[in-house]
Amino acid sequence: MLGFELKIRDKILYLPFEASFIISRKSTSEEEDMYINVGLYDPLTNNIVNWVKENLYLNDSIEITLKQIEKTSAPLKIFDFHEYFGTTKEEADKKTLERFLILKEELKNEGLI
């Protein structure tokens, strides 16, 4: 399958094509910090899958190569949205539908739909 090979420090990771790479910078008058976060959101499970979440330092090297991979590396962490909020997918879907129906009614009453 098509994916990414990520080389960072002494690690080589194989990531799915849907993975996102975010490098962010936080600067204050006293210091400047940089971070890398590599992960994805899985809409089928509502999970956030994370492979890398680290600080970056001067002279760090990051190499990303698009290539054919056999399988993805094990994630660092999987954040289960439903478990965190103490609900199930069915309960969350029901609440989303209820909010949608309320919004639909409000928009009808205002003549917007």
PDB file of N, CA and C in Angstrom:
ATOM      1  N   MET A   1       0.840  -1.180   0.000  1.00  0.00           N
ATOM      2  CA  MET A   1       0.000   0.000   0.000  1.00  0.00           C
ATOM      3  C   MET A   1       0.886   1.245   0.000  1.00  0.00           C
ATOM      4  N   LEU A   2       0.330   2.346  -0.451  1.00  0.00           N
ATOM      5  CA  LEU A   2       1.063   3.594  -0.486  1.00  0.00           C
ATOM      6  C   LEU A   2       1.086   4.199   0.907  1.00  0.00           C
ATOM      7  N   GLY A   3       2.240   4.652   1.342  1.00  0.00           N
ATOM      8  CA  GLY A   3       2.370   5.231   2.676  1.00  0.00           C
ATOM      9  C   GLY A   3       3.624   6.078   2.771  1.00  0.00           C
ATOM     10  N   PHE A   4       3.992   6.396   3.995  1.00  0.00           N
ATOM     11  CA  PHE A   4       5.169   7.221   4.245  1.00  0.00           C
ATOM     12  C   PHE A   4       6.165   6.468   5.112  1.00  0.00           C
ATOM     13  N   GLU A   5       7.442   6.685   4.822  1.00  0.00           N
ATOM     14  CA  GLU A   5       8.508   6.266   5.716  1.00  0.00           C
ATOM     15  C   GLU A   5       9.009   7.534   6.388  1.00  0.00           C
ATOM     16  N   LEU A   6       8.965   7.569   7.693  1.00  0.00           N
ATOM     17  CA  LEU A   6       9.406   8.733   8.462  1.00  0.00           C
ATOM     18  C   LEU A   6      10.657   8.353   9.239  1.00  0.00           C
ATOM     19  N   LYS A   7      11.721   9.116   9.008  1.00  0.00           N
ATOM     20  CA  LYS A   7      12.952   8.930   9.776  1.00  0.00           C
ATOM     21  C   LYS A   7      13.121  10.157  10.655  1.00  0.00           C
ATOM     22  N   ILE A   8      13.172   9.935  11.955  1.00  0.00           N
ATOM     23  CA  ILE A   8      13.380  11.013  12.915  1.00  0.00           C
ATOM     24  C   ILE A   8      14.274  10.470  14.025  1.00  0.00           C
ATOM     25  N   ARG A   9      15.373  11.143  14.220  1.00  0.00           N
ATOM     26  CA  ARG A   9      16.406  10.704  15.175  1.00  0.00           C
ATOM     27  C   ARG A   9      16.782   9.251  14.889  1.00  0.00           C
ATOM     28  N   ASP A  10      16.613   8.365  15.840  1.00  0.00           N
ATOM     29  CA  ASP A  10      17.024   6.970  15.646  1.00  0.00           C
ATOM     30  C   ASP A  10      15.839   6.063  15.299  1.00  0.00           C
ATOM     31  N   LYS A  11      14.711   6.661  14.898  1.00  0.00           N
ATOM     32  CA  LYS A  11      13.515   5.869  14.602  1.00  0.00           C
ATOM     33  C   LYS A  11      13.175   5.909  13.118  1.00  0.00           C
ATOM     34  N   ILE A  12      12.650   4.786  12.633  1.00  0.00           N
ATOM     35  CA  ILE A  12      12.057   4.713  11.301  1.00  0.00           C
ATOM     36  C   ILE A  12      10.639   4.190  11.495  1.00  0.00           C
ATOM     37  N   LEU A  13       9.668   4.958  11.033  1.00  0.00           N
ATOM     38  CA  LEU A  13       8.262   4.578  11.160  1.00  0.00           C
ATOM     39  C   LEU A  13       7.628   4.481   9.784  1.00  0.00           C
ATOM     40  N   TYR A  14       6.678   3.571   9.658  1.00  0.00           N
ATOM     41  CA  TYR A  14       5.922   3.412   8.421  1.00  0.00           C
ATOM     42  C   TYR A  14       4.487   3.814   8.721  1.00  0.00           C
ATOM     43  N   LEU A  15       4.015   4.804   7.963  1.00  0.00           N
ATOM     44  CA  LEU A  15       2.743   5.453   8.269  1.00  0.00           C
ATOM     45  C   LEU A  15       1.794   5.360   7.089  1.00  0.00           C
ATOM     46  N   PRO A  16       0.483   5.339   7.370  1.00  0.00           N
ATOM     47  CA  PRO A  16      -0.478   5.295   6.273  1.00  0.00           C
ATOM     48  C   PRO A  16      -0.487   6.612   5.500  1.00  0.00           C
ATOM     49  N   PHE A  17      -0.955   6.540   4.272  1.00  0.00           N
ATOM     50  CA  PHE A  17      -1.011   7.705   3.400  1.00  0.00           C
ATOM     51  C   PHE A  17      -1.867   8.823   4.000  1.00  0.00           C
ATOM     52  N   GLU A  18      -2.827   8.486   4.864  1.00  0.00           N
ATOM     53  CA  GLU A  18      -3.734   9.473   5.464  1.00  0.00           C
ATOM     54  C   GLU A  18      -3.116  10.223   6.646  1.00  0.00           C
ATOM     55  N   ALA A  19      -1.933   9.856   7.053  1.00  0.00           N
ATOM     56  CA  ALA A  19      -1.298  10.488   8.215  1.00  0.00           C
ATOM     57  C   ALA A  19      -1.036  11.968   7.952  1.00  0.00           C
ATOM     58  N   SER A  20      -1.139  12.752   9.019  1.00  0.00           N
ATOM     59  CA  SER A  20      -0.845  14.187   8.953  1.00  0.00           C
ATOM     60  C   SER A  20       0.431  14.473   9.727  1.00  0.00           C
ATOM     61  N   PHE A  21       1.207  15.408   9.215  1.00  0.00           N
ATOM     62  CA  PHE A  21       2.458  15.819   9.839  1.00  0.00           C
ATOM     63  C   PHE A  21       2.314  17.289  10.226  1.00  0.00           C
ATOM     64  N   ILE A  22       2.425  17.579  11.506  1.00  0.00           N
ATOM     65  CA  ILE A  22       2.293  18.956  11.974  1.00  0.00           C
ATOM     66  C   ILE A  22       3.548  19.326  12.752  1.00  0.00           C
ATOM     67  N   ILE A  23       4.163  20.402  12.314  1.00  0.00           N
ATOM     68  CA  ILE A  23       5.300  20.951  13.052  1.00  0.00           C
ATOM     69  C   ILE A  23       4.868  22.323  13.530  1.00  0.00           C
ATOM     70  N   SER A  24       4.928  22.539  14.828  1.00  0.00           N
ATOM     71  CA  SER A  24       4.468  23.810  15.384  1.00  0.00           C
ATOM     72  C   SER A  24       5.573  24.459  16.203  1.00  0.00           C
ATOM     73  N   ARG A  25       5.416  25.756  16.352  1.00  0.00           N
ATOM     74  CA  ARG A  25       6.413  26.555  17.057  1.00  0.00           C
ATOM     75  C   ARG A  25       5.708  27.411  18.089  1.00  0.00           C
ATOM     76  N   LYS A  26       6.239  27.435  19.293  1.00  0.00           N
ATOM     77  CA  LYS A  26       5.719  28.286  20.363  1.00  0.00           C
ATOM     78  C   LYS A  26       6.853  29.193  20.808  1.00  0.00           C
ATOM     79  N   SER A  27       6.605  30.489  20.707  1.00  0.00           N
ATOM     80  CA  SER A  27       7.663  31.436  21.015  1.00  0.00           C
ATOM     81  C   SER A  27       7.206  32.406  22.104  1.00  0.00           C
ATOM     82  N   THR A  28       8.044  32.578  23.105  1.00  0.00           N
ATOM     83  CA  THR A  28       7.813  33.591  24.138  1.00  0.00           C
ATOM     84  C   THR A  28       9.047  34.483  24.177  1.00  0.00           C
ATOM     85  N   SER A  29       9.006  35.496  25.011  1.00  0.00           N
ATOM     86  CA  SER A  29      10.170  36.389  25.091  1.00  0.00           C
ATOM     87  C   SER A  29      11.387  35.667  25.667  1.00  0.00           C
ATOM     88  N   GLU A  30      11.174  34.595  26.437  1.00  0.00           N
ATOM     89  CA  GLU A  30      12.293  33.880  27.044  1.00  0.00           C
ATOM     90  C   GLU A  30      12.782  32.676  26.240  1.00  0.00           C
ATOM     91  N   GLU A  31      11.865  32.019  25.498  1.00  0.00           N
ATOM     92  CA  GLU A  31      12.272  30.793  24.822  1.00  0.00           C
ATOM     93  C   GLU A  31      11.437  30.528  23.577  1.00  0.00           C
ATOM     94  N   GLU A  32      11.925  29.586  22.811  1.00  0.00           N
ATOM     95  CA  GLU A  32      11.227  29.164  21.609  1.00  0.00           C
ATOM     96  C   GLU A  32      11.246  27.638  21.567  1.00  0.00           C
ATOM     97  N   ASP A  33      10.068  27.038  21.456  1.00  0.00           N
ATOM     98  CA  ASP A  33       9.957  25.584  21.417  1.00  0.00           C
ATOM     99  C   ASP A  33       9.326  25.162  20.110  1.00  0.00           C
ATOM    100  N   MET A  34       9.751  23.991  19.614  1.00  0.00           N
ATOM    101  CA  MET A  34       9.156  23.421  18.408  1.00  0.00           C
ATOM    102  C   MET A  34       8.754  21.986  18.703  1.00  0.00           C
ATOM    103  N   TYR A  35       7.671  21.563  18.046  1.00  0.00           N
ATOM    104  CA  TYR A  35       7.104  20.241  18.282  1.00  0.00           C
ATOM    105  C   TYR A  35       6.755  19.592  16.949  1.00  0.00           C
ATOM    106  N   ILE A  36       6.770  18.269  16.937  1.00  0.00           N
ATOM    107  CA  ILE A  36       6.261  17.509  15.797  1.00  0.00           C
ATOM    108  C   ILE A  36       5.182  16.571  16.308  1.00  0.00           C
ATOM    109  N   ASN A  37       4.105  16.506  15.542  1.00  0.00           N
ATOM    110  CA  ASN A  37       2.987  15.633  15.871  1.00  0.00           C
ATOM    111  C   ASN A  37       2.584  14.925  14.578  1.00  0.00           C
ATOM    112  N   VAL A  38       2.580  13.598  14.611  1.00  0.00           N
ATOM    113  CA  VAL A  38       2.206  12.817  13.444  1.00  0.00           C
ATOM    114  C   VAL A  38       1.073  11.883  13.845  1.00  0.00           C
ATOM    115  N   GLY A  39      -0.038  11.996  13.153  1.00  0.00           N
ATOM    116  CA  GLY A  39      -1.171  11.154  13.483  1.00  0.00           C
ATOM    117  C   GLY A  39      -2.269  11.273  12.458  1.00  0.00           C
ATOM    118  N   LEU A  40      -3.441  10.771  12.826  1.00  0.00           N
ATOM    119  CA  LEU A  40      -4.605  10.879  11.957  1.00  0.00           C
ATOM    120  C   LEU A  40      -5.866  10.724  12.777  1.00  0.00           C
ATOM    121  N   TYR A  41      -6.963  11.171  12.191  1.00  0.00           N
ATOM    122  CA  TYR A  41      -8.293  10.965  12.764  1.00  0.00           C
ATOM    123  C   TYR A  41      -8.970   9.880  11.953  1.00  0.00           C
ATOM    124  N   ASP A  42      -9.476   8.861  12.621  1.00  0.00           N
ATOM    125  CA  ASP A  42     -10.170   7.763  11.951  1.00  0.00           C
ATOM    126  C   ASP A  42     -11.674   7.979  12.096  1.00  0.00           C
ATOM    127  N   PRO A  43     -12.356   8.430  11.037  1.00  0.00           N
ATOM    128  CA  PRO A  43     -13.787   8.730  11.152  1.00  0.00           C
ATOM    129  C   PRO A  43     -14.657   7.500  11.394  1.00  0.00           C
ATOM    130  N   LEU A  44     -14.157   6.320  11.075  1.00  0.00           N
ATOM    131  CA  LEU A  44     -14.947   5.111  11.306  1.00  0.00           C
ATOM    132  C   LEU A  44     -15.057   4.772  12.790  1.00  0.00           C
ATOM    133  N   THR A  45     -14.014   5.077  13.551  1.00  0.00           N
ATOM    134  CA  THR A  45     -14.011   4.754  14.984  1.00  0.00           C
ATOM    135  C   THR A  45     -14.056   5.990  15.869  1.00  0.00           C
ATOM    136  N   ASN A  46     -13.881   7.176  15.279  1.00  0.00           N
ATOM    137  CA  ASN A  46     -13.745   8.440  16.011  1.00  0.00           C
ATOM    138  C   ASN A  46     -12.492   8.455  16.877  1.00  0.00           C
ATOM    139  N   ASN A  47     -11.522   7.618  16.547  1.00  0.00           N
ATOM    140  CA  ASN A  47     -10.271   7.589  17.295  1.00  0.00           C
ATOM    141  C   ASN A  47      -9.246   8.532  16.672  1.00  0.00           C
ATOM    142  N   ILE A  48      -8.395   9.075  17.520  1.00  0.00           N
ATOM    143  CA  ILE A  48      -7.242   9.831  17.056  1.00  0.00           C
ATOM    144  C   ILE A  48      -6.035   8.931  17.279  1.00  0.00           C
ATOM    145  N   VAL A  49      -5.334   8.630  16.209  1.00  0.00           N
ATOM    146  CA  VAL A  49      -4.183   7.732  16.264  1.00  0.00           C
ATOM    147  C   VAL A  49      -2.927   8.591  16.150  1.00  0.00           C
ATOM    148  N   ASN A  50      -1.978   8.374  17.058  1.00  0.00           N
ATOM    149  CA  ASN A  50      -0.782   9.206  17.099  1.00  0.00           C
ATOM    150  C   ASN A  50       0.465   8.335  17.096  1.00  0.00           C
ATOM    151  N   TRP A  51       1.393   8.661  16.179  1.00  0.00           N
ATOM    152  CA  TRP A  51       2.662   7.928  16.101  1.00  0.00           C
ATOM    153  C   TRP A  51       3.825   8.701  16.716  1.00  0.00           C
ATOM    154  N   VAL A  52       3.818  10.017  16.564  1.00  0.00           N
ATOM    155  CA  VAL A  52       4.917  10.840  17.075  1.00  0.00           C
ATOM    156  C   VAL A  52       4.331  12.087  17.721  1.00  0.00           C
ATOM    157  N   LYS A  53       4.818  12.397  18.907  1.00  0.00           N
ATOM    158  CA  LYS A  53       4.463  13.640  19.592  1.00  0.00           C
ATOM    159  C   LYS A  53       5.681  14.000  20.439  1.00  0.00           C
ATOM    160  N   GLU A  54       6.557  14.834  19.862  1.00  0.00           N
ATOM    161  CA  GLU A  54       7.839  15.106  20.510  1.00  0.00           C
ATOM    162  C   GLU A  54       8.269  16.556  20.325  1.00  0.00           C
ATOM    163  N   ASN A  55       9.169  16.969  21.182  1.00  0.00           N
ATOM    164  CA  ASN A  55       9.828  18.256  21.005  1.00  0.00           C
ATOM    165  C   ASN A  55      10.865  18.110  19.902  1.00  0.00           C
ATOM    166  N   LEU A  56      11.111  19.207  19.208  1.00  0.00           N
ATOM    167  CA  LEU A  56      12.196  19.251  18.230  1.00  0.00           C
ATOM    168  C   LEU A  56      13.305  20.132  18.774  1.00  0.00           C
ATOM    169  N   TYR A  57      14.526  19.768  18.426  1.00  0.00           N
ATOM    170  CA  TYR A  57      15.685  20.503  18.911  1.00  0.00           C
ATOM    171  C   TYR A  57      16.571  20.908  17.738  1.00  0.00           C
ATOM    172  N   LEU A  58      17.422  21.873  17.965  1.00  0.00           N
ATOM    173  CA  LEU A  58      18.342  22.348  16.947  1.00  0.00           C
ATOM    174  C   LEU A  58      19.099  21.173  16.340  1.00  0.00           C
ATOM    175  N   ASN A  59      19.181  21.153  15.027  1.00  0.00           N
ATOM    176  CA  ASN A  59      19.867  20.122  14.241  1.00  0.00           C
ATOM    177  C   ASN A  59      19.117  18.799  14.139  1.00  0.00           C
ATOM    178  N   ASP A  60      17.884  18.723  14.642  1.00  0.00           N
ATOM    179  CA  ASP A  60      17.087  17.523  14.392  1.00  0.00           C
ATOM    180  C   ASP A  60      16.832  17.410  12.898  1.00  0.00           C
ATOM    181  N   SER A  61      16.832  16.194  12.407  1.00  0.00           N
ATOM    182  CA  SER A  61      16.578  15.941  10.998  1.00  0.00           C
ATOM    183  C   SER A  61      15.333  15.072  10.873  1.00  0.00           C
ATOM    184  N   ILE A  62      14.458  15.462   9.950  1.00  0.00           N
ATOM    185  CA  ILE A  62      13.244  14.703   9.678  1.00  0.00           C
ATOM    186  C   ILE A  62      13.237  14.389   8.192  1.00  0.00           C
ATOM    187  N   GLU A  63      13.087  13.114   7.871  1.00  0.00           N
ATOM    188  CA  GLU A  63      13.040  12.704   6.465  1.00  0.00           C
ATOM    189  C   GLU A  63      11.737  11.954   6.225  1.00  0.00           C
ATOM    190  N   ILE A  64      10.973  12.418   5.252  1.00  0.00           N
ATOM    191  CA  ILE A  64       9.689  11.796   4.913  1.00  0.00           C
ATOM    192  C   ILE A  64       9.771  11.337   3.467  1.00  0.00           C
ATOM    193  N   THR A  65       9.525  10.049   3.242  1.00  0.00           N
ATOM    194  CA  THR A  65       9.588   9.484   1.903  1.00  0.00           C
ATOM    195  C   THR A  65       8.272   8.795   1.583  1.00  0.00           C
ATOM    196  N   LEU A  66       7.689   9.141   0.443  1.00  0.00           N
ATOM    197  CA  LEU A  66       6.485   8.476  -0.038  1.00  0.00           C
ATOM    198  C   LEU A  66       6.923   7.180  -0.698  1.00  0.00           C
ATOM    199  N   LYS A  67       6.349   6.043  -0.243  1.00  0.00           N
ATOM    200  CA  LYS A  67       6.780   4.770  -0.803  1.00  0.00           C
ATOM    201  C   LYS A  67       5.732   3.698  -0.579  1.00  0.00           C
ATOM    202  N   GLN A  68       5.946   2.566  -1.186  1.00  0.00           N
ATOM    203  CA  GLN A  68       5.103   1.407  -0.952  1.00  0.00           C
ATOM    204  C   GLN A  68       5.539   0.771   0.369  1.00  0.00           C
ATOM    205  N   ILE A  69       4.587   0.558   1.264  1.00  0.00           N
ATOM    206  CA  ILE A  69       4.900  -0.073   2.554  1.00  0.00           C
ATOM    207  C   ILE A  69       4.033  -1.312   2.716  1.00  0.00           C
ATOM    208  N   GLU A  70       4.525  -2.244   3.509  1.00  0.00           N
ATOM    209  CA  GLU A  70       3.776  -3.481   3.737  1.00  0.00           C
ATOM    210  C   GLU A  70       2.749  -3.324   4.848  1.00  0.00           C
ATOM    211  N   LYS A  71       3.156  -2.652   5.933  1.00  0.00           N
ATOM    212  CA  LYS A  71       2.239  -2.413   7.046  1.00  0.00           C
ATOM    213  C   LYS A  71       2.689  -1.180   7.802  1.00  0.00           C
ATOM    214  N   THR A  72       1.790  -0.609   8.580  1.00  0.00           N
ATOM    215  CA  THR A  72       2.126   0.587   9.343  1.00  0.00           C
ATOM    216  C   THR A  72       2.749   0.202  10.680  1.00  0.00           C
ATOM    217  N   SER A  73       3.525   1.107  11.201  1.00  0.00           N
ATOM    218  CA  SER A  73       4.129   0.907  12.523  1.00  0.00           C
ATOM    219  C   SER A  73       3.046   1.005  13.592  1.00  0.00           C
ATOM    220  N   ALA A  74       3.304   0.360  14.721  1.00  0.00           N
ATOM    221  CA  ALA A  74       2.362   0.437  15.841  1.00  0.00           C
ATOM    222  C   ALA A  74       2.301   1.877  16.338  1.00  0.00           C
ATOM    223  N   PRO A  75       1.096   2.380  16.596  1.00  0.00           N
ATOM    224  CA  PRO A  75       0.987   3.764  17.070  1.00  0.00           C
ATOM    225  C   PRO A  75       1.497   3.930  18.492  1.00  0.00           C
ATOM    226  N   LEU A  76       1.890   5.154  18.783  1.00  0.00           N
ATOM    227  CA  LEU A  76       2.312   5.524  20.125  1.00  0.00           C
ATOM    228  C   LEU A  76       1.106   5.533  21.065  1.00  0.00           C
ATOM    229  N   LYS A  77      -0.018   6.061  20.554  1.00  0.00           N
ATOM    230  CA  LYS A  77      -1.221   6.181  21.373  1.00  0.00           C
ATOM    231  C   LYS A  77      -2.452   6.220  20.474  1.00  0.00           C
ATOM    232  N   ILE A  78      -3.532   5.624  20.967  1.00  0.00           N
ATOM    233  CA  ILE A  78      -4.827   5.726  20.304  1.00  0.00           C
ATOM    234  C   ILE A  78      -5.779   6.366  21.298  1.00  0.00           C
ATOM    235  N   PHE A  79      -6.293   7.531  20.924  1.00  0.00           N
ATOM    236  CA  PHE A  79      -7.232   8.255  21.776  1.00  0.00           C
ATOM    237  C   PHE A  79      -8.637   7.860  21.350  1.00  0.00           C
ATOM    238  N   ASP A  80      -9.339   7.134  22.229  1.00  0.00           N
ATOM    239  CA  ASP A  80     -10.705   6.682  21.959  1.00  0.00           C
ATOM    240  C   ASP A  80     -11.679   7.755  22.424  1.00  0.00           C
ATOM    241  N   PHE A  81     -12.242   8.480  21.473  1.00  0.00           N
ATOM    242  CA  PHE A  81     -13.152   9.588  21.746  1.00  0.00           C
ATOM    243  C   PHE A  81     -14.325   9.158  22.628  1.00  0.00           C
ATOM    244  N   HIS A  82     -14.970   8.062  22.261  1.00  0.00           N
ATOM    245  CA  HIS A  82     -16.158   7.618  22.994  1.00  0.00           C
ATOM    246  C   HIS A  82     -15.824   7.177  24.412  1.00  0.00           C
ATOM    247  N   GLU A  83     -14.727   6.466  24.580  1.00  0.00           N
ATOM    248  CA  GLU A  83     -14.310   6.040  25.914  1.00  0.00           C
ATOM    249  C   GLU A  83     -14.010   7.251  26.798  1.00  0.00           C
ATOM    250  N   TYR A  84     -13.312   8.228  26.217  1.00  0.00           N
ATOM    251  CA  TYR A  84     -12.939   9.433  26.969  1.00  0.00           C
ATOM    252  C   TYR A  84     -14.165  10.179  27.484  1.00  0.00           C
ATOM    253  N   PHE A  85     -15.200  10.280  26.648  1.00  0.00           N
ATOM    254  CA  PHE A  85     -16.400  11.002  27.042  1.00  0.00           C
ATOM    255  C   PHE A  85     -17.474  10.104  27.662  1.00  0.00           C
ATOM    256  N   GLY A  86     -17.150   8.844  27.877  1.00  0.00           N
ATOM    257  CA  GLY A  86     -18.070   7.928  28.548  1.00  0.00           C
ATOM    258  C   GLY A  86     -19.354   7.691  27.780  1.00  0.00           C
ATOM    259  N   THR A  87     -19.248   7.480  26.482  1.00  0.00           N
ATOM    260  CA  THR A  87     -20.424   7.265  25.642  1.00  0.00           C
ATOM    261  C   THR A  87     -20.124   6.167  24.634  1.00  0.00           C
ATOM    262  N   THR A  88     -21.106   5.824  23.836  1.00  0.00           N
ATOM    263  CA  THR A  88     -20.907   4.868  22.747  1.00  0.00           C
ATOM    264  C   THR A  88     -21.116   5.597  21.437  1.00  0.00           C
ATOM    265  N   LYS A  89     -20.716   4.967  20.352  1.00  0.00           N
ATOM    266  CA  LYS A  89     -20.909   5.571  19.038  1.00  0.00           C
ATOM    267  C   LYS A  89     -22.390   5.799  18.775  1.00  0.00           C
ATOM    268  N   GLU A  90     -23.220   4.844  19.154  1.00  0.00           N
ATOM    269  CA  GLU A  90     -24.657   4.965  18.923  1.00  0.00           C
ATOM    270  C   GLU A  90     -25.243   6.150  19.694  1.00  0.00           C
ATOM    271  N   GLU A  91     -24.830   6.313  20.960  1.00  0.00           N
ATOM    272  CA  GLU A  91     -25.322   7.447  21.760  1.00  0.00           C
ATOM    273  C   GLU A  91     -24.849   8.770  21.165  1.00  0.00           C
ATOM    274  N   ALA A  92     -23.595   8.824  20.740  1.00  0.00           N
ATOM    275  CA  ALA A  92     -23.057  10.049  20.148  1.00  0.00           C
ATOM    276  C   ALA A  92     -23.773  10.369  18.839  1.00  0.00           C
ATOM    277  N   ASP A  93     -24.034   9.345  18.018  1.00  0.00           N
ATOM    278  CA  ASP A  93     -24.759   9.565  16.762  1.00  0.00           C
ATOM    279  C   ASP A  93     -26.176  10.066  17.027  1.00  0.00           C
ATOM    280  N   LYS A  94     -26.824   9.521  18.050  1.00  0.00           N
ATOM    281  CA  LYS A  94     -28.190   9.949  18.388  1.00  0.00           C
ATOM    282  C   LYS A  94     -28.189  11.429  18.809  1.00  0.00           C
ATOM    283  N   LYS A  95     -27.229  11.829  19.633  1.00  0.00           N
ATOM    284  CA  LYS A  95     -27.146  13.230  20.066  1.00  0.00           C
ATOM    285  C   LYS A  95     -26.852  14.156  18.884  1.00  0.00           C
ATOM    286  N   THR A  96     -25.992  13.704  17.974  1.00  0.00           N
ATOM    287  CA  THR A  96     -25.686  14.510  16.787  1.00  0.00           C
ATOM    288  C   THR A  96     -26.935  14.696  15.943  1.00  0.00           C
ATOM    289  N   LEU A  97     -27.708  13.640  15.755  1.00  0.00           N
ATOM    290  CA  LEU A  97     -28.946  13.737  14.990  1.00  0.00           C
ATOM    291  C   LEU A  97     -29.940  14.665  15.672  1.00  0.00           C
ATOM    292  N   GLU A  98     -30.045  14.575  17.000  1.00  0.00           N
ATOM    293  CA  GLU A  98     -30.951  15.473  17.733  1.00  0.00           C
ATOM    294  C   GLU A  98     -30.546  16.932  17.545  1.00  0.00           C
ATOM    295  N   ARG A  99     -29.235  17.224  17.625  1.00  0.00           N
ATOM    296  CA  ARG A  99     -28.761  18.601  17.424  1.00  0.00           C
ATOM    297  C   ARG A  99     -29.021  19.072  15.997  1.00  0.00           C
ATOM    298  N   PHE A 100     -28.859  18.169  15.032  1.00  0.00           N
ATOM    299  CA  PHE A 100     -29.132  18.509  13.641  1.00  0.00           C
ATOM    300  C   PHE A 100     -30.604  18.865  13.455  1.00  0.00           C
ATOM    301  N   LEU A 101     -31.507  18.079  14.034  1.00  0.00           N
ATOM    302  CA  LEU A 101     -32.940  18.332  13.871  1.00  0.00           C
ATOM    303  C   LEU A 101     -33.346  19.657  14.520  1.00  0.00           C
ATOM    304  N   ILE A 102     -32.743  19.986  15.648  1.00  0.00           N
ATOM    305  CA  ILE A 102     -33.008  21.275  16.301  1.00  0.00           C
ATOM    306  C   ILE A 102     -32.523  22.409  15.403  1.00  0.00           C
ATOM    307  N   LEU A 103     -31.313  22.288  14.864  1.00  0.00           N
ATOM    308  CA  LEU A 103     -30.770  23.309  13.971  1.00  0.00           C
ATOM    309  C   LEU A 103     -31.634  23.447  12.727  1.00  0.00           C
ATOM    310  N   LYS A 104     -32.065  22.335  12.159  1.00  0.00           N
ATOM    311  CA  LYS A 104     -32.917  22.356  10.968  1.00  0.00           C
ATOM    312  C   LYS A 104     -34.202  23.124  11.247  1.00  0.00           C
ATOM    313  N   GLU A 105     -34.803  22.898  12.390  1.00  0.00           N
ATOM    314  CA  GLU A 105     -36.050  23.584  12.763  1.00  0.00           C
ATOM    315  C   GLU A 105     -35.802  25.074  12.939  1.00  0.00           C
ATOM    316  N   GLU A 106     -34.689  25.427  13.596  1.00  0.00           N
ATOM    317  CA  GLU A 106     -34.348  26.843  13.776  1.00  0.00           C
ATOM    318  C   GLU A 106     -34.147  27.544  12.427  1.00  0.00           C
ATOM    319  N   LEU A 107     -33.467  26.900  11.516  1.00  0.00           N
ATOM    320  CA  LEU A 107     -33.233  27.484  10.198  1.00  0.00           C
ATOM    321  C   LEU A 107     -34.537  27.619   9.408  1.00  0.00           C
ATOM    322  N   LYS A 108     -35.446  26.657   9.548  1.00  0.00           N
ATOM    323  CA  LYS A 108     -36.761  26.754   8.901  1.00  0.00           C
ATOM    324  C   LYS A 108     -37.534  27.947   9.466  1.00  0.00           C
ATOM    325  N   ASN A 109     -37.522  28.078  10.799  1.00  0.00           N
ATOM    326  CA  ASN A 109     -38.258  29.169  11.450  1.00  0.00           C
ATOM    327  C   ASN A 109     -37.732  30.543  11.033  1.00  0.00           C
ATOM    328  N   GLU A 110     -36.448  30.630  10.716  1.00  0.00           N
ATOM    329  CA  GLU A 110     -35.850  31.895  10.282  1.00  0.00           C
ATOM    330  C   GLU A 110     -35.942  32.082   8.778  1.00  0.00           C
ATOM    331  N   GLY A 111     -36.540  31.114   8.097  1.00  0.00           N
ATOM    332  CA  GLY A 111     -36.714  31.200   6.651  1.00  0.00           C
ATOM    333  C   GLY A 111     -35.448  31.019   5.853  1.00  0.00           C
ATOM    334  N   LEU A 112     -34.455  30.400   6.445  1.00  0.00           N
ATOM    335  CA  LEU A 112     -33.170  30.206   5.773  1.00  0.00           C
ATOM    336  C   LEU A 112     -33.121  28.922   4.951  1.00  0.00           C
ATOM    337  N   ILE A 113     -34.036  28.006   5.250  1.00  0.00           N
ATOM    338  CA  ILE A 113     -34.153  26.791   4.423  1.00  0.00           C
ATOM    339  C   ILE A 113     -35.604  26.487   4.188  1.00  0.00           C
TER     340      ILE A 113
END
